[in-house]
Amino acid sequence: MRKETRMTPTDGTALLWCLGLLACMAAAAEPAALPRAGKLALGWASADITPPEPVALCGQFQTRISKRVNDPLSATALAIEARDDAGVLDQAVLVSADVVCIRRLDLERVRTLAKPRVPDLDPNKIILNTTHTHTAPVLADAREENTHPHDLMATFVYRVPEKGVMQPRDYSELFAARVADAVVEAWKNRKPGGVSWSLAYAVVGHNRRAHYSTGRSLMYGPTDRPDFDTFESTFDPGVELLFTWDAEGKLTGVVVNLACTSQEVENADYVSADFWHDARVELRKTHGEGLFILPQCSAAGDLSPHLLFRKQAEATLRQRKGNLAPRQEIGQRIARAVADGLELARTDIRTQLPFTHTMQMIPLPVRKVTQQEYDAARKAYEDFEAKGLDKLDGPSYIRWRINKNIAARFEIQEEQNVYQTEIHTLRLGDIAFATNPFELYIDYGLRMKARSPAEQTFVVQLACDSVGYLPTERGVAGGHYSAEIMSNIVGPEGGRLLVERTVEALKAMWK
């Protein structure tokens, strides 16, 4: 007699689970649909943005009028377009400029000037970042009226002599025109070519916030104090490299992305691109004067090239190398990193690959001004006004503007509680770019890189706008410059959201 086998409800569930698992395994075994790939067309151009006259130099509280040009300032543009049989996949023009920062209105001027000259380029695909050299002209003018309280860079302006000095408004027009020229020329120079990428290492940036056992932090704080504890965060020696090649396989240019602003000679009274000039000199010695070099600064709001310890050891090292200046040593380190990366990159040049570029405006919550901060700011600016604005020295004048700005932000922050922030994310083959307009603390950049699906992620700060520092919770708790309300439009809450939106956009490109 045949024994009848019956399936219990539990057995049925198990069978269905197994069948589902097998289906998932089969689906996983199938290769994922490859993203749409296109053939690359690349174009380079560079424009001289060196001021033709003395200018007010940006980056310090004191007013510095340039006495000479030590080395030229450049704006370098790389145009990228990918096409397949169906048409254009996407496009981008990456631009890097040797200035401290740009405001959104500076970028809009560039886009407006370029648009009629290259109608086949979407102006919103133009990305403009800065190297943050502190020996370049200021673009904001003290005589601008009706600036918004969230336009933080409009507060860091100088009273510039009328005679013998190029006015900021005049330089800003020259800047926009020259950068637009570079964009147009790069776009018109597009030709079939290829790209390759690589990773190298160079110690350039150091964490500049000393942290003490009291819980406080100081930018450039002394480390020989008995209460010195540690540095507030870390640094990032990685150098992300993107090389470009023409149709014959000749190297045409390189994008160099590293976590450090170019401010080694930041207190000087001359015009200079800082250590990026030295890097260009070193690279062109090897690869020819025609090599294009496009610098990008990764997240480095709490980093700088200045040492807080090992100063004497570093000085001895440079002396033994022939009395190199610090900026020359940095330039050589960058050149060695590029050389290391180039050897590997030569072996994998891609002329056809996926290319996607998205731009979005994301609302980030503003950092709220507290009642205590408002009261202190109001008292400070009223005290300055009581002394007479015409009697204030340069730093006091800027502090008056800063405190007026803090008070104005307090008065609008309930109704205007977000900052519309332009960010770009790009996929180019296996690598990605992610921009933001902040002096972004390194922790945020590392979160983006660590969570990105890309093989390499080029985080680009101070791009398409300048909204001040974006500190971490740890930075705000430690206090001092760069983590105080005067330095921030957006705070840690917005920083976390920026990371999430950036990572979401990157992951969407790999689906």
Protein backbone atom coordinates (compact mmCIF):
# COMPACT_ATOMS: atom_id res chain seq x y z
CA MET A 1 0.00 0.00 0.00
CA ARG A 2 1.43 3.37 -1.14
CA LYS A 3 1.93 5.83 1.68
CA GLU A 4 0.36 9.21 0.93
CA THR A 5 2.61 12.23 1.50
CA ARG A 6 0.94 15.46 2.45
CA MET A 7 2.47 18.92 2.50
CA THR A 8 1.91 20.87 5.67
CA PRO A 9 1.54 24.68 5.61
CA THR A 10 5.03 24.93 7.04
CA ASP A 11 6.41 22.72 4.29
CA GLY A 12 4.70 24.87 1.67
CA THR A 13 6.21 28.03 3.05
CA ALA A 14 9.64 26.45 3.01
CA LEU A 15 9.19 25.32 -0.60
CA LEU A 16 8.09 28.74 -1.70
CA TRP A 17 11.04 30.29 0.14
CA CYS A 18 13.42 27.89 -1.62
CA LEU A 19 11.89 28.59 -5.02
CA GLY A 20 12.16 32.31 -4.34
CA LEU A 21 15.77 31.93 -3.31
CA LEU A 22 16.56 29.98 -6.47
CA ALA A 23 14.91 32.68 -8.56
CA CYS A 24 16.95 35.37 -6.83
CA MET A 25 20.12 33.37 -7.35
CA ALA A 26 19.32 32.95 -11.02
CA ALA A 27 18.67 36.66 -11.37
CA ALA A 28 21.89 37.45 -9.56
CA ALA A 29 23.78 35.10 -11.86
CA GLU A 30 22.64 37.12 -14.87
CA PRO A 31 24.92 40.08 -15.59
CA ALA A 32 23.44 43.45 -14.65
CA ALA A 33 22.36 45.59 -17.54
CA LEU A 34 25.33 47.67 -18.58
CA PRO A 35 24.80 51.44 -18.51
CA ARG A 36 24.64 53.20 -21.82
CA ALA A 37 28.16 53.94 -23.07
CA GLY A 38 29.27 56.57 -25.54
CA LYS A 39 32.36 57.63 -27.44
CA LEU A 40 34.23 60.47 -25.81
CA ALA A 41 35.06 63.88 -27.21
CA LEU A 42 37.38 66.00 -25.07
CA GLY A 43 38.58 69.59 -25.24
CA TRP A 44 40.94 71.68 -23.14
CA ALA A 45 41.56 75.40 -22.77
CA SER A 46 43.17 77.77 -20.31
CA ALA A 47 42.72 81.49 -19.67
CA ASP A 48 44.97 83.97 -17.91
CA ILE A 49 43.03 85.55 -15.03
CA THR A 50 45.98 87.48 -13.61
CA PRO A 51 44.89 91.04 -12.75
CA PRO A 52 46.53 93.71 -14.95
CA GLU A 53 46.73 96.18 -12.04
CA PRO A 54 47.24 96.08 -8.27
CA VAL A 55 44.26 94.50 -6.48
CA ALA A 56 42.94 93.80 -3.01
CA LEU A 57 43.93 90.24 -2.17
CA CYS A 58 41.28 87.98 -0.68
CA GLY A 59 41.57 85.58 2.24
CA GLN A 60 42.63 87.56 5.32
CA PHE A 61 40.93 90.04 7.61
CA GLN A 62 43.50 92.74 6.91
CA THR A 63 43.44 94.60 3.60
CA ARG A 64 46.38 93.62 1.39
CA ILE A 65 47.03 95.47 -1.84
CA SER A 66 49.19 93.47 -4.22
CA LYS A 67 52.64 94.92 -4.88
CA ARG A 68 53.59 92.61 -7.75
CA VAL A 69 52.70 89.47 -9.65
CA ASN A 70 54.79 86.58 -8.38
CA ASP A 71 53.31 84.04 -10.78
CA PRO A 72 50.23 83.93 -13.03
CA LEU A 73 46.68 82.96 -12.15
CA SER A 74 44.87 80.55 -14.45
CA ALA A 75 41.42 79.24 -15.22
CA THR A 76 41.60 75.81 -16.81
CA ALA A 77 38.66 74.10 -18.52
CA LEU A 78 38.06 70.51 -19.59
CA ALA A 79 35.07 69.81 -21.84
CA ILE A 80 33.68 66.28 -21.86
CA GLU A 81 30.95 64.90 -24.11
CA ALA A 82 29.86 61.34 -24.82
CA ARG A 83 27.77 60.26 -27.81
CA ASP A 84 26.39 57.03 -29.17
CA ASP A 85 24.34 56.27 -32.27
CA ALA A 86 21.25 57.76 -30.61
CA GLY A 87 22.92 61.09 -29.85
CA VAL A 88 24.43 62.86 -26.87
CA LEU A 89 24.64 60.88 -23.63
CA ASP A 90 25.77 63.78 -21.50
CA GLN A 91 28.19 66.67 -21.26
CA ALA A 92 30.21 68.66 -18.75
CA VAL A 93 32.75 71.43 -18.62
CA LEU A 94 34.96 71.26 -15.54
CA VAL A 95 36.67 74.55 -14.73
CA SER A 96 39.19 75.32 -12.01
CA ALA A 97 40.24 78.88 -11.17
CA ASP A 98 43.07 80.27 -9.06
CA VAL A 99 40.99 82.43 -6.72
CA VAL A 100 39.82 82.06 -3.11
CA CYS A 101 36.18 81.43 -3.96
CA ILE A 102 33.33 82.38 -6.25
CA ARG A 103 29.76 83.28 -5.43
CA ARG A 104 26.75 81.97 -7.30
CA LEU A 105 26.44 85.25 -9.19
CA ASP A 106 29.99 84.80 -10.54
CA LEU A 107 29.07 81.39 -11.94
CA GLU A 108 25.85 82.73 -13.43
CA ARG A 109 27.81 85.46 -15.20
CA VAL A 110 30.07 82.82 -16.73
CA ARG A 111 27.12 80.70 -17.83
CA THR A 112 25.31 83.71 -19.29
CA LEU A 113 28.37 84.83 -21.24
CA ALA A 114 29.09 81.35 -22.58
CA LYS A 115 25.55 80.32 -23.53
CA PRO A 116 25.08 82.28 -26.80
CA ARG A 117 28.56 81.34 -27.99
CA VAL A 118 28.11 77.58 -27.52
CA PRO A 119 24.35 76.95 -27.87
CA ASP A 120 24.84 73.17 -27.96
CA LEU A 121 26.25 73.23 -24.41
CA ASP A 122 23.78 73.19 -21.52
CA PRO A 123 25.05 76.04 -19.30
CA ASN A 124 23.99 74.12 -16.21
CA LYS A 125 26.64 71.55 -17.11
CA ILE A 126 29.40 74.09 -16.39
CA ILE A 127 31.09 73.40 -13.05
CA LEU A 128 33.44 76.03 -11.64
CA ASN A 129 35.62 75.26 -8.63
CA THR A 130 38.42 77.27 -7.03
CA THR A 131 41.82 76.39 -5.59
CA HIS A 132 41.38 78.78 -2.64
CA THR A 133 44.67 80.59 -3.09
CA HIS A 134 44.80 83.51 -0.63
CA THR A 135 46.96 85.59 -2.99
CA ALA A 136 44.36 86.32 -5.66
CA PRO A 137 41.89 89.19 -6.10
CA VAL A 138 38.71 89.54 -4.10
CA LEU A 139 35.60 89.39 -6.30
CA ALA A 140 33.02 90.81 -3.88
CA ASP A 141 32.74 94.60 -3.69
CA ALA A 142 32.07 96.53 -0.48
CA ARG A 143 29.73 98.84 -2.37
CA GLU A 144 27.31 96.12 -3.41
CA GLU A 145 23.83 96.81 -2.11
CA ASN A 146 20.97 94.56 -1.03
CA THR A 147 23.09 91.44 -0.62
CA HIS A 148 21.27 88.55 1.02
CA PRO A 149 22.30 87.56 4.57
CA HIS A 150 23.02 84.05 3.29
CA ASP A 151 25.55 85.48 0.82
CA LEU A 152 28.32 85.02 3.35
CA MET A 153 31.17 86.01 1.04
CA ALA A 154 29.60 89.45 0.59
CA THR A 155 30.59 90.17 4.19
CA PHE A 156 34.30 89.41 3.66
CA VAL A 157 35.08 92.51 1.62
CA TYR A 158 37.56 95.34 1.81
CA ARG A 159 37.54 99.10 1.50
CA VAL A 160 39.71 99.46 -1.57
CA PRO A 161 41.43 102.74 -2.50
CA GLU A 162 39.78 104.35 -5.52
CA LYS A 163 43.03 105.29 -7.23
CA GLY A 164 45.82 103.01 -8.35
CA VAL A 165 43.96 99.80 -7.53
CA MET A 166 41.66 97.68 -9.70
CA GLN A 167 38.23 97.64 -8.08
CA PRO A 168 36.71 94.25 -7.17
CA ARG A 169 33.67 94.85 -9.39
CA ASP A 170 36.00 95.45 -12.37
CA TYR A 171 38.07 92.37 -11.67
CA SER A 172 34.93 90.25 -11.26
CA GLU A 173 33.87 91.28 -14.78
CA LEU A 174 37.31 90.42 -16.17
CA PHE A 175 37.21 87.11 -14.31
CA ALA A 176 33.81 86.10 -15.68
CA ALA A 177 34.76 87.07 -19.22
CA ARG A 178 38.05 85.17 -19.16
CA VAL A 179 36.53 82.07 -17.58
CA ALA A 180 33.73 82.11 -20.15
CA ASP A 181 36.39 82.33 -22.88
CA ALA A 182 38.03 79.19 -21.47
CA VAL A 183 34.69 77.36 -21.38
CA VAL A 184 33.89 78.29 -24.97
CA GLU A 185 37.35 77.43 -26.26
CA ALA A 186 37.43 74.07 -24.48
CA TRP A 187 33.99 73.20 -25.85
CA LYS A 188 34.98 74.13 -29.39
CA ASN A 189 38.21 72.14 -29.03
CA ARG A 190 36.37 68.84 -28.47
CA LYS A 191 37.92 65.96 -30.38
CA PRO A 192 37.79 62.18 -30.06
CA GLY A 193 39.96 61.03 -27.20
CA GLY A 194 40.21 58.84 -24.16
CA VAL A 195 40.55 58.94 -20.40
CA SER A 196 42.19 56.84 -17.73
CA TRP A 197 42.26 57.21 -13.99
CA SER A 198 44.55 56.30 -11.16
CA LEU A 199 45.19 56.78 -7.47
CA ALA A 200 48.41 58.03 -5.88
CA TYR A 201 49.46 59.55 -2.57
CA ALA A 202 51.04 62.83 -1.48
CA VAL A 203 51.04 64.41 1.96
CA VAL A 204 49.94 67.99 1.33
CA GLY A 205 47.12 68.84 3.73
CA HIS A 206 47.32 68.60 7.52
CA ASN A 207 44.54 68.94 10.05
CA ARG A 208 44.76 72.48 11.37
CA ARG A 209 42.45 72.23 14.37
CA ALA A 210 44.28 71.38 17.59
CA HIS A 211 42.03 69.86 20.25
CA TYR A 212 42.58 70.20 23.98
CA SER A 213 41.57 68.25 27.07
CA THR A 214 39.24 71.12 27.97
CA GLY A 215 37.01 70.12 25.04
CA ARG A 216 37.94 73.23 23.05
CA SER A 217 39.63 73.33 19.65
CA LEU A 218 41.69 76.06 18.03
CA MET A 219 42.49 76.55 14.38
CA TYR A 220 46.31 76.59 14.23
CA GLY A 221 46.37 76.09 17.99
CA PRO A 222 49.71 75.41 19.70
CA THR A 223 50.57 71.77 20.31
CA ASP A 224 53.18 72.34 23.02
CA ARG A 225 50.56 73.18 25.65
CA PRO A 226 50.22 70.65 28.48
CA ASP A 227 46.49 70.32 27.75
CA PHE A 228 46.98 69.50 24.05
CA ASP A 229 45.11 66.26 23.41
CA THR A 230 44.98 65.48 19.70
CA PHE A 231 43.96 66.88 16.35
CA GLU A 232 40.24 67.28 15.92
CA SER A 233 40.11 65.00 12.89
CA THR A 234 42.27 63.35 10.28
CA PHE A 235 43.69 64.17 6.85
CA ASP A 236 43.55 62.48 3.44
CA PRO A 237 46.79 61.87 1.48
CA GLY A 238 44.98 60.31 -1.49
CA VAL A 239 45.42 61.99 -4.88
CA GLU A 240 42.67 61.17 -7.36
CA LEU A 241 43.91 61.47 -10.95
CA LEU A 242 42.07 61.64 -14.27
CA PHE A 243 44.29 61.64 -17.36
CA THR A 244 43.13 62.62 -20.86
CA TRP A 245 44.60 61.40 -24.14
CA ASP A 246 44.15 62.33 -27.79
CA ALA A 247 43.21 59.86 -30.53
CA GLU A 248 46.89 58.99 -31.04
CA GLY A 249 47.40 58.16 -27.37
CA LYS A 250 49.29 61.33 -26.46
CA LEU A 251 48.76 62.72 -22.96
CA THR A 252 46.89 66.04 -23.16
CA GLY A 253 45.95 66.87 -19.58
CA VAL A 254 45.33 65.75 -16.04
CA VAL A 255 42.76 66.49 -13.35
CA VAL A 256 44.47 66.42 -9.94
CA ASN A 257 42.17 66.15 -6.93
CA LEU A 258 43.63 66.36 -3.43
CA ALA A 259 42.46 67.40 0.02
CA CYS A 260 44.23 70.70 0.58
CA THR A 261 43.65 74.34 -0.26
CA SER A 262 46.47 76.26 -1.95
CA GLN A 263 47.36 78.68 0.83
CA GLU A 264 50.99 78.04 1.73
CA VAL A 265 51.91 81.72 1.15
CA GLU A 266 48.54 83.02 2.27
CA ASN A 267 49.79 86.20 3.99
CA ALA A 268 51.90 87.44 1.09
CA ASP A 269 51.35 90.81 -0.59
CA TYR A 270 51.74 89.57 -4.16
CA VAL A 271 49.56 87.77 -6.71
CA SER A 272 50.21 84.03 -6.83
CA ALA A 273 48.56 80.69 -7.57
CA ASP A 274 50.53 79.35 -4.57
CA PHE A 275 51.76 75.75 -4.74
CA TRP A 276 49.70 74.92 -7.82
CA HIS A 277 52.06 77.14 -9.82
CA ASP A 278 55.00 75.06 -8.59
CA ALA A 279 53.16 71.84 -9.41
CA ARG A 280 52.47 73.08 -12.94
CA VAL A 281 56.13 73.99 -13.41
CA GLU A 282 57.27 70.53 -12.27
CA LEU A 283 54.72 68.66 -14.39
CA ARG A 284 55.46 70.65 -17.53
CA LYS A 285 59.19 70.04 -17.14
CA THR A 286 58.42 66.38 -17.75
CA HIS A 287 55.39 66.44 -20.03
CA GLY A 288 55.82 69.65 -22.00
CA GLU A 289 54.45 73.17 -21.81
CA GLY A 290 51.26 72.11 -23.58
CA LEU A 291 50.07 69.91 -20.72
CA PHE A 292 46.80 71.10 -19.16
CA ILE A 293 46.51 70.76 -15.38
CA LEU A 294 43.14 71.14 -13.66
CA PRO A 295 43.36 71.25 -9.84
CA GLN A 296 40.46 70.30 -7.61
CA CYS A 297 40.33 70.61 -3.84
CA SER A 298 38.65 67.72 -2.08
CA ALA A 299 36.94 68.15 1.29
CA ALA A 300 39.48 70.14 3.32
CA GLY A 301 37.67 72.72 5.41
CA ASP A 302 39.68 71.76 8.48
CA LEU A 303 42.95 71.14 6.61
CA SER A 304 45.72 73.34 5.25
CA PRO A 305 49.31 72.93 4.05
CA HIS A 306 50.64 74.41 7.30
CA LEU A 307 52.33 72.17 9.85
CA LEU A 308 51.35 72.30 13.51
CA PHE A 309 54.23 70.04 14.52
CA ARG A 310 57.38 68.60 12.83
CA LYS A 311 58.07 72.12 11.60
CA GLN A 312 61.81 71.96 12.23
CA ALA A 313 62.12 68.47 10.78
CA GLU A 314 60.34 69.61 7.63
CA ALA A 315 62.59 72.68 7.38
CA THR A 316 65.68 70.47 7.66
CA LEU A 317 64.30 68.18 4.95
CA ARG A 318 63.79 71.09 2.56
CA GLN A 319 67.23 72.51 3.34
CA ARG A 320 68.87 69.22 2.44
CA LYS A 321 67.00 69.29 -0.85
CA GLY A 322 68.54 72.63 -1.81
CA ASN A 323 66.67 75.12 0.36
CA LEU A 324 63.30 74.47 -1.21
CA ALA A 325 60.43 76.76 -0.25
CA PRO A 326 57.48 74.89 1.31
CA ARG A 327 55.36 75.48 -1.80
CA GLN A 328 58.12 74.04 -4.00
CA GLU A 329 58.28 70.92 -1.85
CA ILE A 330 54.52 70.53 -2.20
CA GLY A 331 54.72 71.06 -5.96
CA GLN A 332 57.30 68.29 -6.21
CA ARG A 333 55.17 65.94 -4.10
CA ILE A 334 52.21 66.51 -6.40
CA ALA A 335 54.37 65.94 -9.49
CA ARG A 336 55.68 62.66 -8.05
CA ALA A 337 52.13 61.52 -7.31
CA VAL A 338 51.08 62.28 -10.87
CA ALA A 339 54.10 60.37 -12.19
CA ASP A 340 53.22 57.36 -10.03
CA GLY A 341 49.63 57.37 -11.23
CA LEU A 342 50.52 57.91 -14.86
CA GLU A 343 52.52 54.70 -15.20
CA LEU A 344 49.48 52.64 -14.30
CA ALA A 345 46.96 54.81 -16.12
CA ARG A 346 48.71 54.37 -19.48
CA THR A 347 47.69 50.74 -19.54
CA ASP A 348 43.93 51.32 -19.50
CA ILE A 349 42.81 54.20 -21.74
CA ARG A 350 39.06 54.21 -22.40
CA THR A 351 37.54 55.93 -25.43
CA GLN A 352 34.01 54.63 -24.93
CA LEU A 353 32.36 54.43 -21.53
CA PRO A 354 29.28 55.39 -19.49
CA PHE A 355 28.97 59.10 -18.79
CA THR A 356 26.20 60.68 -16.70
CA HIS A 357 26.02 64.16 -15.19
CA THR A 358 23.29 65.43 -12.87
CA MET A 359 22.87 68.84 -11.30
CA GLN A 360 20.39 69.42 -8.51
CA MET A 361 19.45 72.12 -6.05
CA ILE A 362 19.05 70.62 -2.60
CA PRO A 363 17.58 72.56 0.33
CA LEU A 364 19.92 72.29 3.30
CA PRO A 365 18.80 73.55 6.71
CA VAL A 366 20.62 76.69 7.78
CA ARG A 367 22.51 76.81 11.04
CA LYS A 368 20.29 78.80 13.38
CA VAL A 369 21.65 81.88 15.14
CA THR A 370 20.91 81.60 18.85
CA GLN A 371 19.53 84.46 20.92
CA GLN A 372 22.86 84.70 22.72
CA GLU A 373 24.75 84.89 19.41
CA TYR A 374 22.34 87.52 18.14
CA ASP A 375 22.72 89.65 21.27
CA ALA A 376 26.51 89.44 21.08
CA ALA A 377 26.53 90.30 17.38
CA ARG A 378 24.22 93.25 17.82
CA LYS A 379 26.31 94.67 20.66
CA ALA A 380 29.50 94.19 18.61
CA TYR A 381 28.27 95.99 15.50
CA GLU A 382 26.72 98.79 17.55
CA ASP A 383 30.05 99.27 19.34
CA PHE A 384 31.84 99.48 15.99
CA GLU A 385 29.32 102.02 14.72
CA ALA A 386 29.74 104.11 17.87
CA LYS A 387 33.44 104.43 17.07
CA GLY A 388 32.63 105.64 13.55
CA LEU A 389 32.87 103.33 10.56
CA ASP A 390 35.31 105.64 8.79
CA LYS A 391 37.73 105.20 11.70
CA LEU A 392 37.75 101.40 11.65
CA ASP A 393 40.82 99.55 10.41
CA GLY A 394 40.47 96.75 7.85
CA PRO A 395 39.88 93.83 10.24
CA SER A 396 37.45 95.86 12.37
CA TYR A 397 35.50 96.87 9.26
CA ILE A 398 35.07 93.23 8.26
CA ARG A 399 34.07 92.25 11.80
CA TRP A 400 31.43 95.00 11.73
CA ARG A 401 30.03 93.51 8.52
CA ILE A 402 30.17 89.99 9.94
CA ASN A 403 28.21 90.93 13.05
CA LYS A 404 25.65 92.87 11.01
CA ASN A 405 25.24 89.75 8.91
CA ILE A 406 24.74 87.48 11.94
CA ALA A 407 22.01 89.78 13.24
CA ALA A 408 20.32 89.89 9.82
CA ARG A 409 20.35 86.09 9.61
CA PHE A 410 18.68 85.84 13.02
CA GLU A 411 15.86 88.08 11.84
CA ILE A 412 15.01 85.97 8.77
CA GLN A 413 15.85 82.45 9.88
CA GLU A 414 12.34 81.32 10.79
CA GLU A 415 10.96 82.16 7.34
CA GLN A 416 14.12 81.43 5.32
CA ASN A 417 15.39 78.31 7.03
CA VAL A 418 17.07 76.48 4.15
CA TYR A 419 19.88 77.24 1.72
CA GLN A 420 19.31 76.09 -1.85
CA THR A 421 22.58 74.34 -2.59
CA GLU A 422 23.81 73.43 -6.07
CA ILE A 423 25.56 70.07 -6.26
CA HIS A 424 26.76 68.05 -9.24
CA THR A 425 27.40 64.32 -9.48
CA LEU A 426 29.07 62.70 -12.46
CA ARG A 427 29.81 59.15 -13.47
CA LEU A 428 32.66 58.71 -15.94
CA GLY A 429 33.29 55.02 -16.44
CA ASP A 430 34.15 53.55 -13.05
CA ILE A 431 34.87 56.86 -11.30
CA ALA A 432 32.67 59.63 -9.98
CA PHE A 433 32.77 63.35 -9.21
CA ALA A 434 30.71 64.98 -6.46
CA THR A 435 30.72 68.74 -5.91
CA ASN A 436 29.66 71.03 -3.10
CA PRO A 437 30.01 74.79 -2.43
CA PHE A 438 31.49 74.60 1.07
CA GLU A 439 34.82 74.57 2.81
CA LEU A 440 33.78 71.09 3.77
CA TYR A 441 35.23 69.41 6.84
CA ILE A 442 37.11 66.29 5.83
CA ASP A 443 34.84 63.87 7.71
CA TYR A 444 32.01 64.59 5.27
CA GLY A 445 34.23 63.99 2.26
CA LEU A 446 35.47 60.70 3.67
CA ARG A 447 31.88 59.58 4.29
CA MET A 448 31.04 60.30 0.65
CA LYS A 449 34.10 58.45 -0.64
CA ALA A 450 33.63 55.48 1.68
CA ARG A 451 29.96 55.01 0.76
CA SER A 452 30.26 55.74 -2.95
CA PRO A 453 29.79 52.84 -5.39
CA ALA A 454 32.53 54.28 -7.62
CA GLU A 455 36.04 52.88 -7.85
CA GLN A 456 37.28 56.39 -7.09
CA THR A 457 35.28 59.44 -6.05
CA PHE A 458 36.59 62.93 -6.74
CA VAL A 459 34.95 65.12 -4.09
CA VAL A 460 35.20 68.77 -5.16
CA GLN A 461 34.62 71.53 -2.61
CA LEU A 462 34.16 75.27 -3.25
CA ALA A 463 32.33 74.54 -6.50
CA CYS A 464 29.59 76.66 -8.11
CA ASP A 465 29.21 78.91 -5.05
CA SER A 466 30.84 79.61 -1.70
CA VAL A 467 28.79 79.21 1.45
CA GLY A 468 31.50 79.24 4.10
CA TYR A 469 32.70 76.36 6.22
CA LEU A 470 30.57 73.30 6.93
CA PRO A 471 31.77 71.89 10.27
CA THR A 472 30.98 68.61 11.98
CA GLU A 473 29.25 68.25 15.36
CA ARG A 474 32.70 67.70 16.84
CA GLY A 475 33.90 70.92 15.26
CA VAL A 476 30.97 72.96 16.58
CA ALA A 477 31.52 71.53 20.06
CA GLY A 478 35.19 72.50 19.86
CA GLY A 479 34.37 76.00 18.67
CA HIS A 480 36.73 78.66 17.27
CA TYR A 481 37.14 79.94 13.72
CA SER A 482 35.53 77.86 10.96
CA ALA A 483 33.11 76.24 13.43
CA GLU A 484 31.49 79.41 14.79
CA ILE A 485 28.25 80.96 13.57
CA MET A 486 30.13 83.71 11.73
CA SER A 487 31.72 81.08 9.47
CA ASN A 488 28.70 78.88 8.75
CA ILE A 489 25.47 79.29 6.84
CA VAL A 490 24.87 75.53 7.04
CA GLY A 491 25.72 73.42 10.09
CA PRO A 492 26.16 69.72 10.94
CA GLU A 493 22.51 68.85 10.28
CA GLY A 494 22.92 70.13 6.74
CA GLY A 495 26.26 68.36 6.45
CA ARG A 496 24.69 65.00 7.17
CA LEU A 497 21.95 65.70 4.64
CA LEU A 498 24.51 66.77 2.03
CA VAL A 499 26.27 63.43 2.42
CA GLU A 500 23.01 61.49 2.10
CA ARG A 501 21.85 63.33 -1.02
CA THR A 502 25.27 63.02 -2.63
CA VAL A 503 25.53 59.30 -1.94
CA GLU A 504 21.96 58.75 -3.18
CA ALA A 505 22.79 60.54 -6.44
CA LEU A 506 25.96 58.51 -6.90
CA LYS A 507 24.25 55.19 -6.21
CA ALA A 508 21.52 56.04 -8.71
CA MET A 509 24.19 56.23 -11.41
CA TRP A 510 25.28 52.65 -10.72
CA LYS A 511 21.82 51.06 -10.80
